[in-house]
Amino acid sequence: MALMMLVVVSLLGAVALRISSTEIQIAGNDKLQKQTFYEADGGSQVGARLVEENIACPQGFANDDITVGNNNEVHVAGKQFVNEEDFSLQVDDSNRHAYLPPTYGAGDPHTNLAFASQVGLTAGSGAQSMAGYEGRGRGAAAGGSHVSTDIWSQRVGLQDSMSQIHSQWLHVIGVEGDCNY
């Protein structure tokens, strides 16, 4: 009877060990996927800043490797990319406008960015019409114009994890900063 109880307790221990090992793997994969997602989201924020810088530089960037925001080093695959109008982009290593970090090895984590934009009119109001050319968008009765940009950020993370974010950025024409590149 004691031997039978020892066998049952041993089997229960082995099952518990297997379950806890599986749970540890699930938690690790969940952490990795969340980390990759948040890094892709951070890439979309760098992409929004890059769009603003690109609009401020109508002739395009002077260099391929630039620093955007808080020391985010980015390789720009094209000097001017804001006028792209392909809204069905699938961003990956072979289809991108920019990536960071500027240098990475095979299998290393990196973020790919792609952009598509179009110019549109912003609806105005009578009050804005009376204000004339003061303020944002240099608005008249139509309200001014804007550049709407779709930003795709794809993060290729550790252990072949991958996450992609699609966001939109609206720039009001007439409030461009200086071209720093």
N, C-alpha and C. Protein backbone atom coordinates (compact mmCIF):
# COMPACT_ATOMS: atom_id res chain seq x y z
N MET A 1 0.82 -1.19 0.00
CA MET A 1 0.00 0.00 0.00
C MET A 1 0.87 1.26 0.00
N ALA A 2 1.96 1.22 0.81
CA ALA A 2 2.86 2.36 0.88
C ALA A 2 3.56 2.58 -0.46
N LEU A 3 3.93 1.48 -1.10
CA LEU A 3 4.57 1.58 -2.41
C LEU A 3 3.62 2.18 -3.44
N MET A 4 2.36 1.79 -3.39
CA MET A 4 1.35 2.33 -4.30
C MET A 4 1.17 3.83 -4.07
N MET A 5 1.15 4.26 -2.82
CA MET A 5 1.02 5.69 -2.50
C MET A 5 2.24 6.46 -2.99
N LEU A 6 3.42 5.87 -2.86
CA LEU A 6 4.66 6.52 -3.33
C LEU A 6 4.62 6.70 -4.85
N VAL A 7 4.13 5.73 -5.59
CA VAL A 7 4.01 5.82 -7.04
C VAL A 7 3.03 6.93 -7.42
N VAL A 8 1.88 6.99 -6.75
CA VAL A 8 0.86 8.02 -7.05
C VAL A 8 1.42 9.41 -6.76
N VAL A 9 2.09 9.59 -5.63
CA VAL A 9 2.66 10.89 -5.27
C VAL A 9 3.76 11.27 -6.27
N SER A 10 4.56 10.33 -6.70
CA SER A 10 5.60 10.60 -7.70
C SER A 10 5.00 11.04 -9.03
N LEU A 11 3.93 10.37 -9.46
CA LEU A 11 3.25 10.76 -10.71
C LEU A 11 2.66 12.16 -10.60
N LEU A 12 2.05 12.46 -9.45
CA LEU A 12 1.50 13.81 -9.25
C LEU A 12 2.61 14.86 -9.28
N GLY A 13 3.74 14.56 -8.70
CA GLY A 13 4.89 15.48 -8.72
C GLY A 13 5.40 15.71 -10.14
N ALA A 14 5.48 14.62 -10.92
CA ALA A 14 5.95 14.74 -12.31
C ALA A 14 4.99 15.57 -13.15
N VAL A 15 3.68 15.38 -12.96
CA VAL A 15 2.67 16.17 -13.69
C VAL A 15 2.76 17.64 -13.28
N ALA A 16 2.90 17.90 -11.98
CA ALA A 16 3.01 19.29 -11.50
C ALA A 16 4.25 19.96 -12.06
N LEU A 17 5.35 19.22 -12.13
CA LEU A 17 6.59 19.76 -12.69
C LEU A 17 6.42 20.10 -14.16
N ARG A 18 5.77 19.24 -14.90
CA ARG A 18 5.52 19.47 -16.33
C ARG A 18 4.62 20.69 -16.55
N ILE A 19 3.57 20.81 -15.74
CA ILE A 19 2.66 21.95 -15.86
C ILE A 19 3.38 23.25 -15.55
N SER A 20 4.17 23.28 -14.50
CA SER A 20 4.87 24.52 -14.14
C SER A 20 5.92 24.89 -15.19
N SER A 21 6.57 23.90 -15.78
CA SER A 21 7.53 24.17 -16.85
C SER A 21 6.83 24.79 -18.06
N THR A 22 5.66 24.27 -18.42
CA THR A 22 4.89 24.82 -19.53
C THR A 22 4.44 26.24 -19.21
N GLU A 23 4.00 26.49 -18.00
CA GLU A 23 3.56 27.83 -17.59
C GLU A 23 4.71 28.83 -17.66
N ILE A 24 5.90 28.40 -17.31
CA ILE A 24 7.08 29.28 -17.39
C ILE A 24 7.37 29.63 -18.85
N GLN A 25 7.26 28.66 -19.76
CA GLN A 25 7.46 28.94 -21.18
C GLN A 25 6.40 29.90 -21.72
N ILE A 26 5.15 29.73 -21.31
CA ILE A 26 4.07 30.61 -21.75
C ILE A 26 4.34 32.04 -21.26
N ALA A 27 4.73 32.19 -20.01
CA ALA A 27 5.00 33.52 -19.45
C ALA A 27 6.18 34.18 -20.18
N GLY A 28 7.21 33.40 -20.50
CA GLY A 28 8.35 33.94 -21.23
C GLY A 28 7.97 34.41 -22.62
N ASN A 29 7.16 33.61 -23.33
CA ASN A 29 6.71 34.00 -24.67
C ASN A 29 5.82 35.23 -24.62
N ASP A 30 4.97 35.32 -23.59
CA ASP A 30 4.10 36.48 -23.43
C ASP A 30 4.93 37.74 -23.18
N LYS A 31 5.94 37.63 -22.34
CA LYS A 31 6.83 38.77 -22.07
C LYS A 31 7.55 39.19 -23.34
N LEU A 32 8.04 38.24 -24.11
CA LEU A 32 8.75 38.55 -25.35
C LEU A 32 7.82 39.24 -26.36
N GLN A 33 6.59 38.76 -26.49
CA GLN A 33 5.65 39.36 -27.43
C GLN A 33 5.27 40.78 -27.01
N LYS A 34 5.05 40.99 -25.72
CA LYS A 34 4.73 42.33 -25.23
C LYS A 34 5.89 43.28 -25.43
N GLN A 35 7.10 42.82 -25.18
CA GLN A 35 8.28 43.65 -25.38
C GLN A 35 8.41 44.05 -26.85
N THR A 36 8.20 43.11 -27.75
CA THR A 36 8.27 43.39 -29.18
C THR A 36 7.18 44.37 -29.61
N PHE A 37 5.98 44.20 -29.05
CA PHE A 37 4.88 45.12 -29.37
C PHE A 37 5.21 46.54 -28.94
N TYR A 38 5.71 46.71 -27.71
CA TYR A 38 6.02 48.04 -27.21
C TYR A 38 7.19 48.67 -27.97
N GLU A 39 8.13 47.85 -28.42
CA GLU A 39 9.22 48.38 -29.24
C GLU A 39 8.71 48.82 -30.61
N ALA A 40 7.74 48.10 -31.17
CA ALA A 40 7.12 48.52 -32.44
C ALA A 40 6.35 49.82 -32.24
N ASP A 41 5.67 49.95 -31.10
CA ASP A 41 4.96 51.19 -30.80
C ASP A 41 5.94 52.35 -30.65
N GLY A 42 7.06 52.12 -30.01
CA GLY A 42 8.10 53.15 -29.92
C GLY A 42 8.62 53.52 -31.30
N GLY A 43 8.72 52.54 -32.19
CA GLY A 43 9.14 52.82 -33.57
C GLY A 43 8.15 53.71 -34.29
N SER A 44 6.85 53.54 -34.00
CA SER A 44 5.86 54.41 -34.64
C SER A 44 6.00 55.84 -34.13
N GLN A 45 6.40 56.02 -32.87
CA GLN A 45 6.64 57.37 -32.35
C GLN A 45 7.86 58.00 -33.03
N VAL A 46 8.91 57.22 -33.23
CA VAL A 46 10.07 57.72 -33.98
C VAL A 46 9.65 58.05 -35.41
N GLY A 47 8.77 57.22 -35.99
CA GLY A 47 8.27 57.47 -37.35
C GLY A 47 7.52 58.78 -37.45
N ALA A 48 6.69 59.11 -36.45
CA ALA A 48 5.96 60.38 -36.46
C ALA A 48 6.93 61.55 -36.42
N ARG A 49 7.96 61.44 -35.60
CA ARG A 49 8.98 62.51 -35.53
C ARG A 49 9.73 62.60 -36.85
N LEU A 50 10.00 61.46 -37.46
CA LEU A 50 10.70 61.44 -38.75
C LEU A 50 9.86 62.08 -39.84
N VAL A 51 8.55 61.87 -39.81
CA VAL A 51 7.64 62.52 -40.78
C VAL A 51 7.72 64.03 -40.63
N GLU A 52 7.65 64.52 -39.40
CA GLU A 52 7.73 65.96 -39.16
C GLU A 52 9.06 66.53 -39.68
N GLU A 53 10.15 65.84 -39.40
CA GLU A 53 11.45 66.30 -39.88
C GLU A 53 11.52 66.27 -41.40
N ASN A 54 10.91 65.25 -42.00
CA ASN A 54 10.94 65.13 -43.46
C ASN A 54 10.12 66.22 -44.13
N ILE A 55 9.00 66.60 -43.53
CA ILE A 55 8.17 67.68 -44.08
C ILE A 55 8.93 69.00 -44.00
N ALA A 56 9.70 69.19 -42.93
CA ALA A 56 10.46 70.42 -42.77
C ALA A 56 11.63 70.50 -43.75
N CYS A 57 12.00 69.37 -44.33
CA CYS A 57 13.12 69.33 -45.29
C CYS A 57 12.57 68.96 -46.67
N PRO A 58 12.00 69.92 -47.42
CA PRO A 58 11.34 69.58 -48.69
C PRO A 58 12.29 69.00 -49.74
N GLN A 59 13.59 69.24 -49.61
CA GLN A 59 14.55 68.67 -50.54
C GLN A 59 15.03 67.29 -50.09
N GLY A 60 14.54 66.83 -48.96
CA GLY A 60 14.96 65.54 -48.42
C GLY A 60 16.12 65.70 -47.47
N PHE A 61 16.48 64.61 -46.82
CA PHE A 61 17.59 64.62 -45.87
C PHE A 61 18.92 64.62 -46.61
N ALA A 62 19.90 65.31 -46.03
CA ALA A 62 21.23 65.38 -46.65
C ALA A 62 22.01 64.08 -46.44
N ASN A 63 21.74 63.37 -45.35
CA ASN A 63 22.48 62.14 -45.03
C ASN A 63 21.53 60.96 -44.92
N ASP A 64 22.09 59.76 -45.07
CA ASP A 64 21.29 58.55 -44.92
C ASP A 64 21.09 58.17 -43.46
N ASP A 65 22.07 58.46 -42.61
CA ASP A 65 21.98 58.13 -41.19
C ASP A 65 21.77 59.42 -40.41
N ILE A 66 20.64 59.52 -39.70
CA ILE A 66 20.32 60.72 -38.94
C ILE A 66 19.91 60.34 -37.53
N THR A 67 19.89 61.33 -36.65
CA THR A 67 19.44 61.14 -35.28
C THR A 67 18.14 61.88 -35.10
N VAL A 68 17.09 61.17 -34.67
CA VAL A 68 15.76 61.75 -34.53
C VAL A 68 15.35 61.67 -33.06
N GLY A 69 14.84 62.77 -32.53
CA GLY A 69 14.33 62.75 -31.16
C GLY A 69 15.43 62.54 -30.16
N ASN A 70 15.18 61.69 -29.17
CA ASN A 70 16.12 61.44 -28.09
C ASN A 70 17.17 60.41 -28.47
N ASN A 71 18.07 60.80 -29.36
CA ASN A 71 19.20 59.97 -29.78
C ASN A 71 18.78 58.67 -30.44
N ASN A 72 17.69 58.68 -31.21
CA ASN A 72 17.29 57.51 -31.99
C ASN A 72 17.99 57.58 -33.34
N GLU A 73 18.99 56.75 -33.52
CA GLU A 73 19.72 56.74 -34.78
C GLU A 73 18.93 55.94 -35.80
N VAL A 74 18.68 56.56 -36.97
CA VAL A 74 17.82 55.98 -38.00
C VAL A 74 18.55 56.01 -39.33
N HIS A 75 18.43 54.94 -40.10
CA HIS A 75 18.91 54.93 -41.49
C HIS A 75 17.71 55.20 -42.39
N VAL A 76 17.83 56.24 -43.20
CA VAL A 76 16.75 56.63 -44.10
C VAL A 76 17.05 56.07 -45.48
N ALA A 77 16.17 55.20 -45.97
CA ALA A 77 16.40 54.52 -47.25
C ALA A 77 16.06 55.41 -48.44
N GLY A 78 15.44 56.55 -48.22
CA GLY A 78 15.12 57.49 -49.28
C GLY A 78 15.23 58.89 -48.74
N LYS A 79 15.67 59.82 -49.54
CA LYS A 79 15.86 61.19 -49.07
C LYS A 79 14.53 61.88 -48.77
N GLN A 80 13.50 61.57 -49.54
CA GLN A 80 12.18 62.20 -49.35
C GLN A 80 11.13 61.12 -49.53
N PHE A 81 10.36 60.84 -48.50
CA PHE A 81 9.39 59.75 -48.57
C PHE A 81 7.97 60.17 -48.24
N VAL A 82 7.75 61.42 -47.91
CA VAL A 82 6.43 61.85 -47.47
C VAL A 82 5.43 61.85 -48.61
N ASN A 83 5.85 61.94 -49.84
CA ASN A 83 4.91 62.00 -50.96
C ASN A 83 4.47 60.64 -51.47
N GLU A 84 4.87 59.57 -50.81
CA GLU A 84 4.41 58.24 -51.19
C GLU A 84 2.90 58.16 -51.03
N GLU A 85 2.22 57.44 -51.90
CA GLU A 85 0.77 57.33 -51.79
C GLU A 85 0.28 55.89 -51.83
N ASP A 86 1.13 54.93 -51.52
CA ASP A 86 0.73 53.53 -51.51
C ASP A 86 0.25 53.17 -50.11
N PHE A 87 -1.07 53.14 -49.90
CA PHE A 87 -1.62 52.89 -48.58
C PHE A 87 -1.82 51.40 -48.30
N SER A 88 -1.33 50.55 -49.17
CA SER A 88 -1.45 49.11 -48.94
C SER A 88 -0.08 48.50 -48.65
N LEU A 89 0.81 49.27 -48.08
CA LEU A 89 2.17 48.82 -47.83
C LEU A 89 2.20 47.65 -46.85
N GLN A 90 3.10 46.75 -47.09
CA GLN A 90 3.43 45.69 -46.15
C GLN A 90 4.89 45.89 -45.80
N VAL A 91 5.15 46.45 -44.65
CA VAL A 91 6.52 46.78 -44.27
C VAL A 91 7.27 45.52 -43.85
N ASP A 92 8.49 45.39 -44.35
CA ASP A 92 9.40 44.32 -43.96
C ASP A 92 10.81 44.73 -44.34
N ASP A 93 11.76 43.80 -44.22
CA ASP A 93 13.16 44.13 -44.49
C ASP A 93 13.41 44.55 -45.94
N SER A 94 12.57 44.14 -46.87
CA SER A 94 12.78 44.49 -48.27
C SER A 94 11.88 45.64 -48.74
N ASN A 95 10.95 46.08 -47.91
CA ASN A 95 10.03 47.15 -48.28
C ASN A 95 9.91 48.12 -47.12
N ARG A 96 10.79 49.11 -47.08
CA ARG A 96 10.81 50.07 -45.98
C ARG A 96 11.43 51.38 -46.45
N HIS A 97 11.10 52.45 -45.74
CA HIS A 97 11.67 53.76 -46.04
C HIS A 97 12.79 54.11 -45.06
N ALA A 98 12.74 53.54 -43.88
CA ALA A 98 13.75 53.80 -42.86
C ALA A 98 13.81 52.62 -41.91
N TYR A 99 14.92 52.50 -41.21
CA TYR A 99 15.04 51.45 -40.19
C TYR A 99 16.01 51.90 -39.11
N LEU A 100 15.86 51.30 -37.94
CA LEU A 100 16.76 51.56 -36.85
C LEU A 100 17.01 50.29 -36.07
N PRO A 101 18.19 50.13 -35.52
CA PRO A 101 19.37 50.98 -35.63
C PRO A 101 19.94 50.95 -37.05
N PRO A 102 20.79 51.95 -37.38
CA PRO A 102 21.32 52.03 -38.75
C PRO A 102 22.13 50.80 -39.17
N THR A 103 22.76 50.13 -38.22
CA THR A 103 23.51 48.91 -38.53
C THR A 103 23.06 47.81 -37.58
N TYR A 104 22.82 46.66 -38.14
CA TYR A 104 22.47 45.48 -37.34
C TYR A 104 22.87 44.25 -38.13
N GLY A 105 23.14 43.18 -37.41
CA GLY A 105 23.54 41.94 -38.04
C GLY A 105 22.35 41.04 -38.32
N ALA A 106 22.59 39.97 -39.05
CA ALA A 106 21.53 39.01 -39.36
C ALA A 106 20.98 38.43 -38.06
N GLY A 107 19.67 38.48 -37.90
CA GLY A 107 19.01 37.96 -36.72
C GLY A 107 18.96 38.92 -35.55
N ASP A 108 19.59 40.10 -35.68
CA ASP A 108 19.54 41.08 -34.60
C ASP A 108 18.21 41.82 -34.60
N PRO A 109 17.73 42.25 -33.44
CA PRO A 109 16.49 43.03 -33.38
C PRO A 109 16.64 44.36 -34.12
N HIS A 110 15.58 44.76 -34.82
CA HIS A 110 15.57 46.04 -35.53
C HIS A 110 14.12 46.43 -35.82
N THR A 111 13.93 47.69 -36.20
CA THR A 111 12.61 48.22 -36.49
C THR A 111 12.59 48.78 -37.90
N ASN A 112 11.61 48.36 -38.70
CA ASN A 112 11.41 48.87 -40.06
C ASN A 112 10.27 49.88 -40.05
N LEU A 113 10.41 50.96 -40.81
CA LEU A 113 9.38 51.98 -40.91
C LEU A 113 9.03 52.22 -42.38
N ALA A 114 7.74 52.38 -42.65
CA ALA A 114 7.27 52.73 -44.00
C ALA A 114 6.19 53.79 -43.86
N PHE A 115 6.07 54.63 -44.89
CA PHE A 115 5.17 55.77 -44.82
C PHE A 115 4.38 55.91 -46.12
N ALA A 116 3.16 56.41 -46.01
CA ALA A 116 2.35 56.79 -47.17
C ALA A 116 1.57 58.03 -46.76
N SER A 117 1.49 59.02 -47.65
CA SER A 117 0.84 60.26 -47.25
C SER A 117 0.02 60.85 -48.39
N GLN A 118 -0.87 61.73 -48.00
CA GLN A 118 -1.62 62.49 -49.00
C GLN A 118 -1.97 63.85 -48.39
N VAL A 119 -2.13 64.83 -49.26
CA VAL A 119 -2.46 66.18 -48.83
C VAL A 119 -3.97 66.35 -48.93
N GLY A 120 -4.57 67.01 -47.94
CA GLY A 120 -6.00 67.24 -47.94
C GLY A 120 -6.34 68.60 -47.39
N LEU A 121 -7.59 68.97 -47.51
CA LEU A 121 -8.08 70.24 -46.97
C LEU A 121 -8.69 70.01 -45.60
N THR A 122 -8.45 70.94 -44.71
CA THR A 122 -9.01 70.88 -43.38
C THR A 122 -10.25 71.76 -43.34
N ALA A 123 -11.33 71.23 -42.82
CA ALA A 123 -12.56 72.00 -42.74
C ALA A 123 -12.36 73.21 -41.85
N GLY A 124 -12.91 74.33 -42.28
CA GLY A 124 -12.77 75.57 -41.51
C GLY A 124 -14.10 76.02 -40.95
N SER A 125 -14.13 77.23 -40.46
CA SER A 125 -15.36 77.80 -39.92
C SER A 125 -15.38 79.29 -40.24
N GLY A 126 -16.52 79.93 -40.03
CA GLY A 126 -16.63 81.36 -40.29
C GLY A 126 -15.66 82.15 -39.45
N ALA A 127 -15.45 81.74 -38.18
CA ALA A 127 -14.52 82.47 -37.31
C ALA A 127 -13.10 82.35 -37.85
N GLN A 128 -12.76 81.18 -38.34
CA GLN A 128 -11.44 81.00 -38.89
C GLN A 128 -11.30 81.80 -40.17
N SER A 129 -12.36 81.86 -40.96
CA SER A 129 -12.35 82.62 -42.20
C SER A 129 -12.09 84.09 -41.91
N MET A 130 -12.72 84.62 -40.86
CA MET A 130 -12.54 86.03 -40.53
C MET A 130 -11.15 86.31 -40.00
N ALA A 131 -10.49 85.27 -39.44
CA ALA A 131 -9.16 85.46 -38.88
C ALA A 131 -8.13 85.63 -39.99
N GLY A 132 -8.50 85.32 -41.21
CA GLY A 132 -7.57 85.49 -42.33
C GLY A 132 -6.42 84.51 -42.28
N TYR A 133 -5.22 85.01 -42.52
CA TYR A 133 -4.07 84.12 -42.61
C TYR A 133 -3.30 84.04 -41.30
N GLU A 134 -3.97 84.20 -40.20
CA GLU A 134 -3.33 84.05 -38.90
C GLU A 134 -3.48 82.62 -38.43
N GLY A 135 -2.53 82.19 -37.67
CA GLY A 135 -2.68 80.90 -37.00
C GLY A 135 -2.36 79.70 -37.88
N ARG A 136 -2.71 78.53 -37.36
CA ARG A 136 -2.35 77.26 -37.97
C ARG A 136 -3.05 77.06 -39.30
N GLY A 137 -2.34 76.47 -40.22
CA GLY A 137 -2.91 76.11 -41.49
C GLY A 137 -3.12 77.28 -42.42
N ARG A 138 -2.72 78.47 -41.98
CA ARG A 138 -2.91 79.67 -42.79
C ARG A 138 -4.34 79.70 -43.32
N GLY A 139 -5.29 79.43 -42.43
CA GLY A 139 -6.68 79.14 -42.79
C GLY A 139 -7.44 80.29 -43.41
N ALA A 140 -8.18 79.95 -44.42
CA ALA A 140 -9.20 80.83 -44.99
C ALA A 140 -10.51 80.11 -44.74
N ALA A 141 -11.50 80.32 -45.56
CA ALA A 141 -12.81 79.70 -45.34
C ALA A 141 -12.72 78.18 -45.37
N ALA A 142 -11.82 77.63 -46.17
CA ALA A 142 -11.67 76.17 -46.25
C ALA A 142 -10.97 75.60 -45.03
N GLY A 143 -10.31 76.46 -44.27
CA GLY A 143 -9.66 76.00 -43.05
C GLY A 143 -8.21 75.66 -43.21
N GLY A 144 -7.68 75.59 -44.39
CA GLY A 144 -6.27 75.27 -44.57
C GLY A 144 -6.07 73.90 -45.16
N SER A 145 -4.88 73.38 -45.01
CA SER A 145 -4.58 72.07 -45.57
C SER A 145 -3.70 71.29 -44.60
N HIS A 146 -3.62 70.00 -44.84
CA HIS A 146 -2.85 69.12 -43.98
C HIS A 146 -2.24 67.99 -44.79
N VAL A 147 -1.26 67.34 -44.18
CA VAL A 147 -0.67 66.13 -44.75
C VAL A 147 -1.04 65.00 -43.80
N SER A 148 -1.77 64.02 -44.31
CA SER A 148 -2.14 62.85 -43.53
C SER A 148 -1.19 61.71 -43.90
N THR A 149 -0.50 61.17 -42.92
CA THR A 149 0.51 60.14 -43.19
C THR A 149 0.20 58.88 -42.41
N ASP A 150 0.17 57.76 -43.12
CA ASP A 150 0.08 56.45 -42.48
C ASP A 150 1.50 56.00 -42.17
N ILE A 151 1.70 55.50 -40.96
CA ILE A 151 3.02 55.04 -40.53
C ILE A 151 2.91 53.57 -40.16
N TRP A 152 3.76 52.76 -40.78
CA TRP A 152 3.84 51.34 -40.42
C TRP A 152 5.17 51.13 -39.71
N SER A 153 5.12 50.52 -38.54
CA SER A 153 6.31 50.21 -37.78
C SER A 153 6.32 48.71 -37.51
N GLN A 154 7.35 48.04 -37.99
CA GLN A 154 7.48 46.60 -37.78
C GLN A 154 8.72 46.34 -36.94
N ARG A 155 8.55 45.70 -35.81
CA ARG A 155 9.68 45.35 -34.95
C ARG A 155 9.97 43.87 -35.11
N VAL A 156 11.19 43.56 -35.47
CA VAL A 156 11.68 42.19 -35.50
C VAL A 156 12.53 42.05 -34.25
N GLY A 157 12.04 41.27 -33.29
CA GLY A 157 12.69 41.18 -31.99
C GLY A 157 13.50 39.92 -31.79
N LEU A 158 13.76 39.64 -30.55
CA LEU A 158 14.53 38.45 -30.17
C LEU A 158 13.75 37.18 -30.50
N GLN A 159 14.46 36.12 -30.77
CA GLN A 159 13.88 34.80 -31.02
C GLN A 159 12.82 34.85 -32.13
N ASP A 160 13.05 35.65 -33.16
CA ASP A 160 12.16 35.78 -34.32
C ASP A 160 10.77 36.28 -33.95
N SER A 161 10.64 36.99 -32.84
CA SER A 161 9.33 37.59 -32.51
C SER A 161 9.13 38.79 -33.44
N MET A 162 7.88 39.09 -33.74
CA MET A 162 7.58 40.18 -34.66
C MET A 162 6.26 40.83 -34.28
N SER A 163 6.23 42.15 -34.38
CA SER A 163 5.01 42.90 -34.12
C SER A 163 4.95 44.07 -35.09
N GLN A 164 3.75 44.42 -35.53
CA GLN A 164 3.58 45.52 -36.47
C GLN A 164 2.50 46.46 -35.98
N ILE A 165 2.78 47.76 -36.06
CA ILE A 165 1.85 48.81 -35.65
C ILE A 165 1.55 49.67 -36.88
N HIS A 166 0.28 50.02 -37.06
CA HIS A 166 -0.12 50.95 -38.11
C HIS A 166 -0.76 52.14 -37.42
N SER A 167 -0.21 53.33 -37.64
CA SER A 167 -0.77 54.54 -37.03
C SER A 167 -0.90 55.61 -38.09
N GLN A 168 -1.60 56.67 -37.76
CA GLN A 168 -1.76 57.79 -38.68
C GLN A 168 -1.30 59.06 -37.99
N TRP A 169 -0.69 59.95 -38.78
CA TRP A 169 -0.17 61.20 -38.27
C TRP A 169 -0.71 62.32 -39.14
N LEU A 170 -1.21 63.38 -38.50
CA LEU A 170 -1.77 64.51 -39.22
C LEU A 170 -0.89 65.73 -38.97
N HIS A 171 -0.36 66.31 -40.05
CA HIS A 171 0.47 67.51 -39.96
C HIS A 171 -0.27 68.67 -40.60
N VAL A 172 -0.45 69.74 -39.85
CA VAL A 172 -1.09 70.94 -40.38
C VAL A 172 -0.05 71.75 -41.14
N ILE A 173 -0.30 71.98 -42.42
CA ILE A 173 0.65 72.72 -43.25
C ILE A 173 0.70 74.17 -42.78
N GLY A 174 1.92 74.65 -42.64
CA GLY A 174 2.12 76.02 -42.19
C GLY A 174 2.77 76.10 -40.83
N VAL A 175 2.97 74.96 -40.18
CA VAL A 175 3.61 74.96 -38.85
C VAL A 175 4.89 74.10 -38.87
N GLU A 176 5.57 74.10 -40.00
CA GLU A 176 6.79 73.31 -40.12
C GLU A 176 7.90 73.96 -39.30
N GLY A 177 8.75 73.14 -38.77
CA GLY A 177 9.93 73.64 -38.08
C GLY A 177 11.06 73.84 -39.07
N ASP A 178 12.26 74.01 -38.55
CA ASP A 178 13.44 74.18 -39.39
C ASP A 178 13.96 72.82 -39.82
N CYS A 179 14.57 72.79 -40.98
CA CYS A 179 15.20 71.56 -41.47
C CYS A 179 16.54 71.41 -40.76
N ASN A 180 16.66 70.38 -39.94
CA ASN A 180 17.91 70.16 -39.18
C ASN A 180 18.82 69.16 -39.86
N TYR A 181 18.44 68.68 -41.02
CA TYR A 181 19.22 67.63 -41.67
C TYR A 181 19.59 68.04 -43.05
